């Protein structure tokens, strides 16, 4: 939670209660698994 406050919101997004990712470092997103 503290890191989420200081990370650049244009790059970082929460994807679960336990994880934040840098969208700029993602090379792809796979939507093939439903849900």
ModelCIF file with pLDDT and N, C-alpha, C, O atoms, coordinates in Angstrom:
data_MODEL
#
_entry.id   MODEL 
#
_entity.id                         1 
_entity.type                       polymer 
_entity.pdbx_number_of_molecules   1 
#
_entity_poly.entity_id                      1 
_entity_poly.type                           'polypeptide(L)' 
_entity_poly.nstd_linkage                   no 
_entity_poly.nstd_monomer                   no 
_entity_poly.pdbx_seq_one_letter_code       
;(UNK)(UNK)(UNK)(UNK)(UNK)(UNK)(UNK)(UNK)(UNK)(UNK)(UNK)(UNK)(UNK)(UNK)(UNK)(UNK)
(UNK)(UNK)(UNK)(UNK)(UNK)(UNK)(UNK)(UNK)(UNK)(UNK)(UNK)(UNK)(UNK)(UNK)(UNK)(UNK)
(UNK)(UNK)(UNK)
;
_entity_poly.pdbx_seq_one_letter_code_can   XXXXXXXXXXXXXXXXXXXXXXXXXXXXXXXXXXX 
_entity_poly.pdbx_strand_id                 A 
#
loop_
_entity_poly_seq.entity_id 
_entity_poly_seq.num 
_entity_poly_seq.mon_id 
_entity_poly_seq.hetero 
1 1  UNK n 
1 2  UNK n 
1 3  UNK n 
1 4  UNK n 
1 5  UNK n 
1 6  UNK n 
1 7  UNK n 
1 8  UNK n 
1 9  UNK n 
1 10 UNK n 
1 11 UNK n 
1 12 UNK n 
1 13 UNK n 
1 14 UNK n 
1 15 UNK n 
1 16 UNK n 
1 17 UNK n 
1 18 UNK n 
1 19 UNK n 
1 20 UNK n 
1 21 UNK n 
1 22 UNK n 
1 23 UNK n 
1 24 UNK n 
1 25 UNK n 
1 26 UNK n 
1 27 UNK n 
1 28 UNK n 
1 29 UNK n 
1 30 UNK n 
1 31 UNK n 
1 32 UNK n 
1 33 UNK n 
1 34 UNK n 
1 35 UNK n 
#
_struct_asym.id          A 
_struct_asym.entity_id   1 
#
loop_
_ma_qa_metric.id 
_ma_qa_metric.mode 
_ma_qa_metric.name 
_ma_qa_metric.software_group_id 
_ma_qa_metric.type 
1 global pLDDT . pLDDT 
2 local  pLDDT . pLDDT 
#
_ma_qa_metric_global.metric_id      1 
_ma_qa_metric_global.metric_value   93.17 
_ma_qa_metric_global.model_id       1 
_ma_qa_metric_global.ordinal_id     1 
#
loop_
_ma_qa_metric_local.label_asym_id 
_ma_qa_metric_local.label_comp_id 
_ma_qa_metric_local.label_seq_id 
_ma_qa_metric_local.metric_id 
_ma_qa_metric_local.metric_value 
_ma_qa_metric_local.model_id 
_ma_qa_metric_local.ordinal_id 
A UNK 1  2 95.00 1 1  
A UNK 2  2 94.00 1 2  
A UNK 3  2 95.00 1 3  
A UNK 4  2 93.00 1 4  
A UNK 5  2 92.00 1 5  
A UNK 6  2 91.00 1 6  
A UNK 7  2 93.00 1 7  
A UNK 8  2 90.00 1 8  
A UNK 9  2 90.00 1 9  
A UNK 10 2 86.00 1 10 
A UNK 11 2 90.00 1 11 
A UNK 12 2 95.00 1 12 
A UNK 13 2 95.00 1 13 
A UNK 14 2 96.00 1 14 
A UNK 15 2 96.00 1 15 
A UNK 16 2 96.00 1 16 
A UNK 17 2 95.00 1 17 
A UNK 18 2 96.00 1 18 
A UNK 19 2 97.00 1 19 
A UNK 20 2 98.00 1 20 
A UNK 21 2 97.00 1 21 
A UNK 22 2 96.00 1 22 
A UNK 23 2 94.00 1 23 
A UNK 24 2 92.00 1 24 
A UNK 25 2 95.00 1 25 
A UNK 26 2 95.00 1 26 
A UNK 27 2 94.00 1 27 
A UNK 28 2 93.00 1 28 
A UNK 29 2 94.00 1 29 
A UNK 30 2 93.00 1 30 
A UNK 31 2 91.00 1 31 
A UNK 32 2 90.00 1 32 
A UNK 33 2 88.00 1 33 
A UNK 34 2 88.00 1 34 
A UNK 35 2 88.00 1 35 
#
loop_
_atom_site.group_PDB 
_atom_site.id 
_atom_site.type_symbol 
_atom_site.label_atom_id 
_atom_site.label_alt_id 
_atom_site.label_comp_id 
_atom_site.label_asym_id 
_atom_site.label_entity_id 
_atom_site.label_seq_id 
_atom_site.pdbx_PDB_ins_code 
_atom_site.Cartn_x 
_atom_site.Cartn_y 
_atom_site.Cartn_z 
_atom_site.occupancy 
_atom_site.B_iso_or_equiv 
_atom_site.pdbx_formal_charge 
_atom_site.auth_seq_id 
_atom_site.auth_comp_id 
_atom_site.auth_asym_id 
_atom_site.auth_atom_id 
_atom_site.pdbx_PDB_model_num 
ATOM 1   N N  . UNK A 1 1  ? 0.827   -1.207  0.000   1.00 95.00 ? 1  UNK A N  1 
ATOM 2   C CA . UNK A 1 1  ? 0.000   0.000   0.000   1.00 95.00 ? 1  UNK A CA 1 
ATOM 3   C C  . UNK A 1 1  ? 0.868   1.267   0.000   1.00 95.00 ? 1  UNK A C  1 
ATOM 4   O O  . UNK A 1 1  ? 0.556   2.221   -0.712  1.00 95.00 ? 1  UNK A O  1 
ATOM 5   N N  . UNK A 1 2  ? 1.935   1.287   0.776   1.00 94.00 ? 2  UNK A N  1 
ATOM 6   C CA . UNK A 1 2  ? 2.830   2.444   0.800   1.00 94.00 ? 2  UNK A CA 1 
ATOM 7   C C  . UNK A 1 2  ? 3.531   2.629   -0.539  1.00 94.00 ? 2  UNK A C  1 
ATOM 8   O O  . UNK A 1 2  ? 3.680   3.757   -1.011  1.00 94.00 ? 2  UNK A O  1 
ATOM 9   N N  . UNK A 1 3  ? 3.962   1.529   -1.156  1.00 95.00 ? 3  UNK A N  1 
ATOM 10  C CA . UNK A 1 3  ? 4.615   1.621   -2.459  1.00 95.00 ? 3  UNK A CA 1 
ATOM 11  C C  . UNK A 1 3  ? 3.639   2.114   -3.524  1.00 95.00 ? 3  UNK A C  1 
ATOM 12  O O  . UNK A 1 3  ? 4.011   2.893   -4.402  1.00 95.00 ? 3  UNK A O  1 
ATOM 13  N N  . UNK A 1 4  ? 2.410   1.664   -3.444  1.00 93.00 ? 4  UNK A N  1 
ATOM 14  C CA . UNK A 1 4  ? 1.398   2.095   -4.420  1.00 93.00 ? 4  UNK A CA 1 
ATOM 15  C C  . UNK A 1 4  ? 1.234   3.614   -4.405  1.00 93.00 ? 4  UNK A C  1 
ATOM 16  O O  . UNK A 1 4  ? 0.945   4.214   -5.440  1.00 93.00 ? 4  UNK A O  1 
ATOM 17  N N  . UNK A 1 5  ? 1.415   4.229   -3.258  1.00 92.00 ? 5  UNK A N  1 
ATOM 18  C CA . UNK A 1 5  ? 1.272   5.690   -3.138  1.00 92.00 ? 5  UNK A CA 1 
ATOM 19  C C  . UNK A 1 5  ? 2.406   6.447   -3.825  1.00 92.00 ? 5  UNK A C  1 
ATOM 20  O O  . UNK A 1 5  ? 2.195   7.569   -4.286  1.00 92.00 ? 5  UNK A O  1 
ATOM 21  N N  . UNK A 1 6  ? 3.604   5.863   -3.904  1.00 91.00 ? 6  UNK A N  1 
ATOM 22  C CA . UNK A 1 6  ? 4.746   6.577   -4.483  1.00 91.00 ? 6  UNK A CA 1 
ATOM 23  C C  . UNK A 1 6  ? 5.084   6.141   -5.912  1.00 91.00 ? 6  UNK A C  1 
ATOM 24  O O  . UNK A 1 6  ? 5.859   6.815   -6.591  1.00 91.00 ? 6  UNK A O  1 
ATOM 25  N N  . UNK A 1 7  ? 4.518   5.032   -6.372  1.00 93.00 ? 7  UNK A N  1 
ATOM 26  C CA . UNK A 1 7  ? 4.772   4.581   -7.738  1.00 93.00 ? 7  UNK A CA 1 
ATOM 27  C C  . UNK A 1 7  ? 3.976   5.419   -8.733  1.00 93.00 ? 7  UNK A C  1 
ATOM 28  O O  . UNK A 1 7  ? 2.853   5.832   -8.446  1.00 93.00 ? 7  UNK A O  1 
ATOM 29  N N  . UNK A 1 8  ? 4.555   5.666   -9.891  1.00 90.00 ? 8  UNK A N  1 
ATOM 30  C CA . UNK A 1 8  ? 3.941   6.472   -10.947 1.00 90.00 ? 8  UNK A CA 1 
ATOM 31  C C  . UNK A 1 8  ? 2.636   5.817   -11.407 1.00 90.00 ? 8  UNK A C  1 
ATOM 32  O O  . UNK A 1 8  ? 2.665   4.710   -11.945 1.00 90.00 ? 8  UNK A O  1 
ATOM 33  N N  . UNK A 1 9  ? 1.487   6.482   -11.205 1.00 90.00 ? 9  UNK A N  1 
ATOM 34  C CA . UNK A 1 9  ? 0.204   5.885   -11.569 1.00 90.00 ? 9  UNK A CA 1 
ATOM 35  C C  . UNK A 1 9  ? -0.009  5.746   -13.081 1.00 90.00 ? 9  UNK A C  1 
ATOM 36  O O  . UNK A 1 9  ? -0.922  5.040   -13.510 1.00 90.00 ? 9  UNK A O  1 
ATOM 37  N N  . UNK A 1 10 ? 0.822   6.409   -13.892 1.00 86.00 ? 10 UNK A N  1 
ATOM 38  C CA . UNK A 1 10 ? 0.731   6.229   -15.346 1.00 86.00 ? 10 UNK A CA 1 
ATOM 39  C C  . UNK A 1 10 ? 1.344   4.901   -15.768 1.00 86.00 ? 10 UNK A C  1 
ATOM 40  O O  . UNK A 1 10 ? 1.054   4.400   -16.854 1.00 86.00 ? 10 UNK A O  1 
ATOM 41  N N  . UNK A 1 11 ? 2.184   4.333   -14.920 1.00 90.00 ? 11 UNK A N  1 
ATOM 42  C CA . UNK A 1 11 ? 2.870   3.082   -15.249 1.00 90.00 ? 11 UNK A CA 1 
ATOM 43  C C  . UNK A 1 11 ? 2.372   1.900   -14.427 1.00 90.00 ? 11 UNK A C  1 
ATOM 44  O O  . UNK A 1 11 ? 2.218   0.796   -14.950 1.00 90.00 ? 11 UNK A O  1 
ATOM 45  N N  . UNK A 1 12 ? 2.121   2.128   -13.147 1.00 95.00 ? 12 UNK A N  1 
ATOM 46  C CA . UNK A 1 12 ? 1.838   1.034   -12.232 1.00 95.00 ? 12 UNK A CA 1 
ATOM 47  C C  . UNK A 1 12 ? 0.354   0.907   -11.936 1.00 95.00 ? 12 UNK A C  1 
ATOM 48  O O  . UNK A 1 12 ? -0.344  1.896   -11.714 1.00 95.00 ? 12 UNK A O  1 
ATOM 49  N N  . UNK A 1 13 ? -0.111  -0.340  -11.938 1.00 95.00 ? 13 UNK A N  1 
ATOM 50  C CA . UNK A 1 13 ? -1.522  -0.616  -11.677 1.00 95.00 ? 13 UNK A CA 1 
ATOM 51  C C  . UNK A 1 13 ? -1.625  -1.884  -10.833 1.00 95.00 ? 13 UNK A C  1 
ATOM 52  O O  . UNK A 1 13 ? -0.867  -2.839  -11.005 1.00 95.00 ? 13 UNK A O  1 
ATOM 53  N N  . UNK A 1 14 ? -2.581  -1.858  -9.922  1.00 96.00 ? 14 UNK A N  1 
ATOM 54  C CA . UNK A 1 14 ? -2.803  -3.026  -9.054  1.00 96.00 ? 14 UNK A CA 1 
ATOM 55  C C  . UNK A 1 14 ? -3.599  -4.060  -9.843  1.00 96.00 ? 14 UNK A C  1 
ATOM 56  O O  . UNK A 1 14 ? -4.586  -3.730  -10.500 1.00 96.00 ? 14 UNK A O  1 
ATOM 57  N N  . UNK A 1 15 ? -3.155  -5.322  -9.770  1.00 96.00 ? 15 UNK A N  1 
ATOM 58  C CA . UNK A 1 15 ? -3.860  -6.392  -10.463 1.00 96.00 ? 15 UNK A CA 1 
ATOM 59  C C  . UNK A 1 15 ? -4.417  -7.435  -9.500  1.00 96.00 ? 15 UNK A C  1 
ATOM 60  O O  . UNK A 1 15 ? -5.116  -8.360  -9.915  1.00 96.00 ? 15 UNK A O  1 
ATOM 61  N N  . UNK A 1 16 ? -4.107  -7.285  -8.217  1.00 96.00 ? 16 UNK A N  1 
ATOM 62  C CA . UNK A 1 16 ? -4.681  -8.165  -7.194  1.00 96.00 ? 16 UNK A CA 1 
ATOM 63  C C  . UNK A 1 16 ? -4.421  -7.525  -5.839  1.00 96.00 ? 16 UNK A C  1 
ATOM 64  O O  . UNK A 1 16 ? -3.760  -6.490  -5.748  1.00 96.00 ? 16 UNK A O  1 
ATOM 65  N N  . UNK A 1 17 ? -4.941  -8.142  -4.794  1.00 95.00 ? 17 UNK A N  1 
ATOM 66  C CA . UNK A 1 17 ? -4.674  -7.624  -3.446  1.00 95.00 ? 17 UNK A CA 1 
ATOM 67  C C  . UNK A 1 17 ? -3.191  -7.689  -3.122  1.00 95.00 ? 17 UNK A C  1 
ATOM 68  O O  . UNK A 1 17 ? -2.702  -6.967  -2.253  1.00 95.00 ? 17 UNK A O  1 
ATOM 69  N N  . UNK A 1 18 ? -2.478  -8.565  -3.829  1.00 96.00 ? 18 UNK A N  1 
ATOM 70  C CA . UNK A 1 18 ? -1.096  -8.840  -3.481  1.00 96.00 ? 18 UNK A CA 1 
ATOM 71  C C  . UNK A 1 18 ? -0.080  -8.426  -4.540  1.00 96.00 ? 18 UNK A C  1 
ATOM 72  O O  . UNK A 1 18 ? 1.106   -8.729  -4.406  1.00 96.00 ? 18 UNK A O  1 
ATOM 73  N N  . UNK A 1 19 ? -0.536  -7.724  -5.611  1.00 97.00 ? 19 UNK A N  1 
ATOM 74  C CA . UNK A 1 19 ? 0.408   -7.439  -6.691  1.00 97.00 ? 19 UNK A CA 1 
ATOM 75  C C  . UNK A 1 19 ? 0.089   -6.150  -7.443  1.00 97.00 ? 19 UNK A C  1 
ATOM 76  O O  . UNK A 1 19 ? -1.068  -5.811  -7.689  1.00 97.00 ? 19 UNK A O  1 
ATOM 77  N N  . UNK A 1 20 ? 1.170   -5.444  -7.799  1.00 98.00 ? 20 UNK A N  1 
ATOM 78  C CA . UNK A 1 20 ? 1.127   -4.240  -8.631  1.00 98.00 ? 20 UNK A CA 1 
ATOM 79  C C  . UNK A 1 20 ? 2.093   -4.494  -9.786  1.00 98.00 ? 20 UNK A C  1 
ATOM 80  O O  . UNK A 1 20 ? 3.188   -5.016  -9.575  1.00 98.00 ? 20 UNK A O  1 
ATOM 81  N N  . UNK A 1 21 ? 1.691   -4.126  -11.011 1.00 97.00 ? 21 UNK A N  1 
ATOM 82  C CA . UNK A 1 21 ? 2.581   -4.328  -12.153 1.00 97.00 ? 21 UNK A CA 1 
ATOM 83  C C  . UNK A 1 21 ? 2.879   -3.007  -12.850 1.00 97.00 ? 21 UNK A C  1 
ATOM 84  O O  . UNK A 1 21 ? 2.124   -2.041  -12.738 1.00 97.00 ? 21 UNK A O  1 
ATOM 85  N N  . UNK A 1 22 ? 3.988   -2.986  -13.568 1.00 96.00 ? 22 UNK A N  1 
ATOM 86  C CA . UNK A 1 22 ? 4.373   -1.857  -14.400 1.00 96.00 ? 22 UNK A CA 1 
ATOM 87  C C  . UNK A 1 22 ? 3.898   -2.163  -15.814 1.00 96.00 ? 22 UNK A C  1 
ATOM 88  O O  . UNK A 1 22 ? 4.464   -3.022  -16.490 1.00 96.00 ? 22 UNK A O  1 
ATOM 89  N N  . UNK A 1 23 ? 2.864   -1.466  -16.261 1.00 94.00 ? 23 UNK A N  1 
ATOM 90  C CA . UNK A 1 23 ? 2.299   -1.704  -17.588 1.00 94.00 ? 23 UNK A CA 1 
ATOM 91  C C  . UNK A 1 23 ? 3.323   -1.471  -18.693 1.00 94.00 ? 23 UNK A C  1 
ATOM 92  O O  . UNK A 1 23 ? 3.242   -2.095  -19.751 1.00 94.00 ? 23 UNK A O  1 
ATOM 93  N N  . UNK A 1 24 ? 4.280   -0.583  -18.462 1.00 92.00 ? 24 UNK A N  1 
ATOM 94  C CA . UNK A 1 24 ? 5.297   -0.267  -19.480 1.00 92.00 ? 24 UNK A CA 1 
ATOM 95  C C  . UNK A 1 24 ? 6.285   -1.420  -19.658 1.00 92.00 ? 24 UNK A C  1 
ATOM 96  O O  . UNK A 1 24 ? 7.000   -1.459  -20.660 1.00 92.00 ? 24 UNK A O  1 
ATOM 97  N N  . UNK A 1 25 ? 6.341   -2.345  -18.722 1.00 95.00 ? 25 UNK A N  1 
ATOM 98  C CA . UNK A 1 25 ? 7.241   -3.493  -18.823 1.00 95.00 ? 25 UNK A CA 1 
ATOM 99  C C  . UNK A 1 25 ? 6.514   -4.749  -19.298 1.00 95.00 ? 25 UNK A C  1 
ATOM 100 O O  . UNK A 1 25 ? 7.133   -5.801  -19.455 1.00 95.00 ? 25 UNK A O  1 
ATOM 101 N N  . UNK A 1 26 ? 5.211   -4.645  -19.526 1.00 95.00 ? 26 UNK A N  1 
ATOM 102 C CA . UNK A 1 26 ? 4.447   -5.780  -20.026 1.00 95.00 ? 26 UNK A CA 1 
ATOM 103 C C  . UNK A 1 26 ? 4.616   -5.858  -21.543 1.00 95.00 ? 26 UNK A C  1 
ATOM 104 O O  . UNK A 1 26 ? 4.454   -4.859  -22.244 1.00 95.00 ? 26 UNK A O  1 
ATOM 105 N N  . UNK A 1 27 ? 4.940   -7.035  -22.038 1.00 94.00 ? 27 UNK A N  1 
ATOM 106 C CA . UNK A 1 27 ? 5.093   -7.201  -23.481 1.00 94.00 ? 27 UNK A CA 1 
ATOM 107 C C  . UNK A 1 27 ? 3.817   -7.734  -24.113 1.00 94.00 ? 27 UNK A C  1 
ATOM 108 O O  . UNK A 1 27 ? 3.656   -7.667  -25.332 1.00 94.00 ? 27 UNK A O  1 
ATOM 109 N N  . UNK A 1 28 ? 2.903   -8.266  -23.297 1.00 93.00 ? 28 UNK A N  1 
ATOM 110 C CA . UNK A 1 28 ? 1.662   -8.778  -23.850 1.00 93.00 ? 28 UNK A CA 1 
ATOM 111 C C  . UNK A 1 28 ? 0.652   -9.147  -22.785 1.00 93.00 ? 28 UNK A C  1 
ATOM 112 O O  . UNK A 1 28 ? 0.980   -9.345  -21.616 1.00 93.00 ? 28 UNK A O  1 
ATOM 113 N N  . UNK A 1 29 ? -0.601  -9.233  -23.237 1.00 94.00 ? 29 UNK A N  1 
ATOM 114 C CA . UNK A 1 29 ? -1.713  -9.613  -22.371 1.00 94.00 ? 29 UNK A CA 1 
ATOM 115 C C  . UNK A 1 29 ? -2.486  -10.715 -23.078 1.00 94.00 ? 29 UNK A C  1 
ATOM 116 O O  . UNK A 1 29 ? -2.867  -10.562 -24.239 1.00 94.00 ? 29 UNK A O  1 
ATOM 117 N N  . UNK A 1 30 ? -2.721  -11.828 -22.384 1.00 93.00 ? 30 UNK A N  1 
ATOM 118 C CA . UNK A 1 30 ? -3.426  -12.963 -22.967 1.00 93.00 ? 30 UNK A CA 1 
ATOM 119 C C  . UNK A 1 30 ? -4.822  -13.035 -22.342 1.00 93.00 ? 30 UNK A C  1 
ATOM 120 O O  . UNK A 1 30 ? -4.972  -13.270 -21.143 1.00 93.00 ? 30 UNK A O  1 
ATOM 121 N N  . UNK A 1 31 ? -5.834  -12.829 -23.183 1.00 91.00 ? 31 UNK A N  1 
ATOM 122 C CA . UNK A 1 31 ? -7.221  -12.836 -22.732 1.00 91.00 ? 31 UNK A CA 1 
ATOM 123 C C  . UNK A 1 31 ? -7.903  -14.178 -23.002 1.00 91.00 ? 31 UNK A C  1 
ATOM 124 O O  . UNK A 1 31 ? -9.116  -14.288 -22.828 1.00 91.00 ? 31 UNK A O  1 
ATOM 125 N N  . UNK A 1 32 ? -7.152  -15.198 -23.423 1.00 90.00 ? 32 UNK A N  1 
ATOM 126 C CA . UNK A 1 32 ? -7.754  -16.454 -23.867 1.00 90.00 ? 32 UNK A CA 1 
ATOM 127 C C  . UNK A 1 32 ? -8.400  -17.264 -22.745 1.00 90.00 ? 32 UNK A C  1 
ATOM 128 O O  . UNK A 1 32 ? -9.305  -18.054 -23.010 1.00 90.00 ? 32 UNK A O  1 
ATOM 129 N N  . UNK A 1 33 ? -7.963  -17.090 -21.511 1.00 88.00 ? 33 UNK A N  1 
ATOM 130 C CA . UNK A 1 33 ? -8.582  -17.802 -20.390 1.00 88.00 ? 33 UNK A CA 1 
ATOM 131 C C  . UNK A 1 33 ? -9.746  -16.955 -19.894 1.00 88.00 ? 33 UNK A C  1 
ATOM 132 O O  . UNK A 1 33 ? -9.552  -15.823 -19.451 1.00 88.00 ? 33 UNK A O  1 
ATOM 133 N N  . UNK A 1 34 ? -10.934 -17.496 -19.967 1.00 88.00 ? 34 UNK A N  1 
ATOM 134 C CA . UNK A 1 34 ? -12.136 -16.764 -19.592 1.00 88.00 ? 34 UNK A CA 1 
ATOM 135 C C  . UNK A 1 34 ? -12.080 -16.314 -18.139 1.00 88.00 ? 34 UNK A C  1 
ATOM 136 O O  . UNK A 1 34 ? -11.804 -17.105 -17.237 1.00 88.00 ? 34 UNK A O  1 
ATOM 137 N N  . UNK A 1 35 ? -12.346 -15.028 -17.932 1.00 88.00 ? 35 UNK A N  1 
ATOM 138 C CA . UNK A 1 35 ? -12.448 -14.497 -16.588 1.00 88.00 ? 35 UNK A CA 1 
ATOM 139 C C  . UNK A 1 35 ? -11.164 -13.958 -15.995 1.00 88.00 ? 35 UNK A C  1 
ATOM 140 O O  . UNK A 1 35 ? -11.159 -13.487 -14.857 1.00 88.00 ? 35 UNK A O  1 
#
